[in-house]
Amino acid sequence: MENKEPEWAKYITEDSIENEDIKALIELIGFDAVKKLMIHYAGIPIVIPKRCLTKYKHQYVLDTNNGSKRSKIKIVHECKITESYIYK
């Protein structure tokens, strides 16, 4: 893939973005990254599977869980998992 920006891309400015999903993405990863996605991946559905986070959440549970109810509640809220997942 060519990294050079096409001439017409200069018209893409943060102020010109009207789509709310794109605006939210700009807040999350920044305008330059979103602009590159728009130029190189427009029309291509991008899916980031939830499972890609599983091993990291699992490691967090192992490192953080000290057996107390408080630590389990914190883990459940931070990782958006059930308490029964902690016991797996």
Protein backbone atom coordinates (compact mmCIF):
# COMPACT_ATOMS: atom_id res chain seq x y z
CA MET A 1 0.00 0.00 0.00
CA GLU A 2 1.26 3.43 -0.91
CA ASN A 3 1.61 5.78 2.06
CA LYS A 4 1.58 8.96 0.02
CA GLU A 5 -1.57 10.97 0.53
CA PRO A 6 -3.56 11.74 -2.64
CA GLU A 7 -3.94 15.40 -3.67
CA TRP A 8 -7.66 15.47 -2.91
CA ALA A 9 -7.06 14.39 0.70
CA LYS A 10 -6.07 17.94 1.64
CA TYR A 11 -9.78 18.72 1.65
CA ILE A 12 -10.37 16.30 4.50
CA THR A 13 -10.19 18.42 7.63
CA GLU A 14 -11.34 17.73 11.14
CA ASP A 15 -13.94 20.49 10.80
CA SER A 16 -15.32 18.97 7.60
CA ILE A 17 -16.19 15.63 9.24
CA GLU A 18 -19.97 15.33 9.70
CA ASN A 19 -20.37 11.65 10.59
CA GLU A 20 -20.76 11.17 14.37
CA ASP A 21 -19.08 7.74 14.35
CA ILE A 22 -16.05 9.20 12.58
CA LYS A 23 -15.98 12.07 15.09
CA ALA A 24 -15.98 9.57 17.96
CA LEU A 25 -13.14 7.68 16.31
CA ILE A 26 -11.19 10.93 15.98
CA GLU A 27 -11.57 11.50 19.72
CA LEU A 28 -10.30 8.01 20.39
CA ILE A 29 -7.32 7.68 18.03
CA GLY A 30 -6.78 11.14 16.58
CA PHE A 31 -7.55 12.88 13.32
CA ASP A 32 -4.41 11.80 11.41
CA ALA A 33 -5.05 8.11 12.08
CA VAL A 34 -8.72 8.43 11.09
CA LYS A 35 -7.81 10.31 7.92
CA LYS A 36 -5.46 7.48 6.92
CA LEU A 37 -8.23 4.95 7.56
CA MET A 38 -10.64 7.02 5.49
CA ILE A 39 -8.21 7.26 2.57
CA HIS A 40 -7.00 3.65 2.53
CA TYR A 41 -9.94 1.67 3.92
CA ALA A 42 -13.11 3.55 2.88
CA GLY A 43 -15.89 1.05 2.22
CA ILE A 44 -14.06 -1.86 3.87
CA PRO A 45 -15.76 -3.15 7.02
CA ILE A 46 -13.28 -3.36 9.87
CA VAL A 47 -14.13 -5.70 12.73
CA ILE A 48 -12.07 -5.96 15.87
CA PRO A 49 -13.13 -9.19 17.58
CA LYS A 50 -13.84 -9.13 21.31
CA ARG A 51 -11.77 -12.28 21.63
CA CYS A 52 -8.61 -10.35 20.81
CA LEU A 53 -8.77 -8.95 24.35
CA THR A 54 -9.36 -12.26 26.14
CA LYS A 55 -5.75 -13.17 26.90
CA TYR A 56 -5.02 -9.66 28.22
CA LYS A 57 -8.07 -9.65 30.47
CA HIS A 58 -7.15 -13.14 31.67
CA GLN A 59 -3.65 -11.99 32.58
CA TYR A 60 -5.09 -8.94 34.35
CA VAL A 61 -7.36 -11.22 36.41
CA LEU A 62 -4.39 -13.41 37.35
CA ASP A 63 -2.26 -10.41 38.31
CA THR A 64 -4.96 -8.43 40.11
CA ASN A 65 -7.20 -10.92 41.89
CA ASN A 66 -6.11 -11.25 45.50
CA GLY A 67 -9.19 -13.26 46.47
CA SER A 68 -11.01 -10.39 48.15
CA LYS A 69 -14.54 -9.42 47.21
CA ARG A 70 -13.33 -5.86 46.54
CA SER A 71 -10.72 -6.99 43.99
CA LYS A 72 -13.27 -9.22 42.25
CA ILE A 73 -15.78 -6.35 41.99
CA LYS A 74 -13.07 -4.07 40.57
CA ILE A 75 -12.05 -6.70 38.00
CA VAL A 76 -15.68 -7.33 36.97
CA HIS A 77 -16.27 -3.62 36.34
CA GLU A 78 -12.96 -2.88 34.63
CA CYS A 79 -13.00 -5.92 32.35
CA LYS A 80 -16.76 -6.07 31.80
CA ILE A 81 -16.80 -9.75 32.72
CA THR A 82 -18.86 -11.82 35.13
CA GLU A 83 -17.63 -12.87 38.54
CA SER A 84 -17.91 -16.50 37.44
CA TYR A 85 -15.32 -15.77 34.70
CA ILE A 86 -12.79 -14.97 37.43
CA TYR A 87 -13.10 -18.52 38.78
CA LYS A 88 -12.34 -20.15 35.40
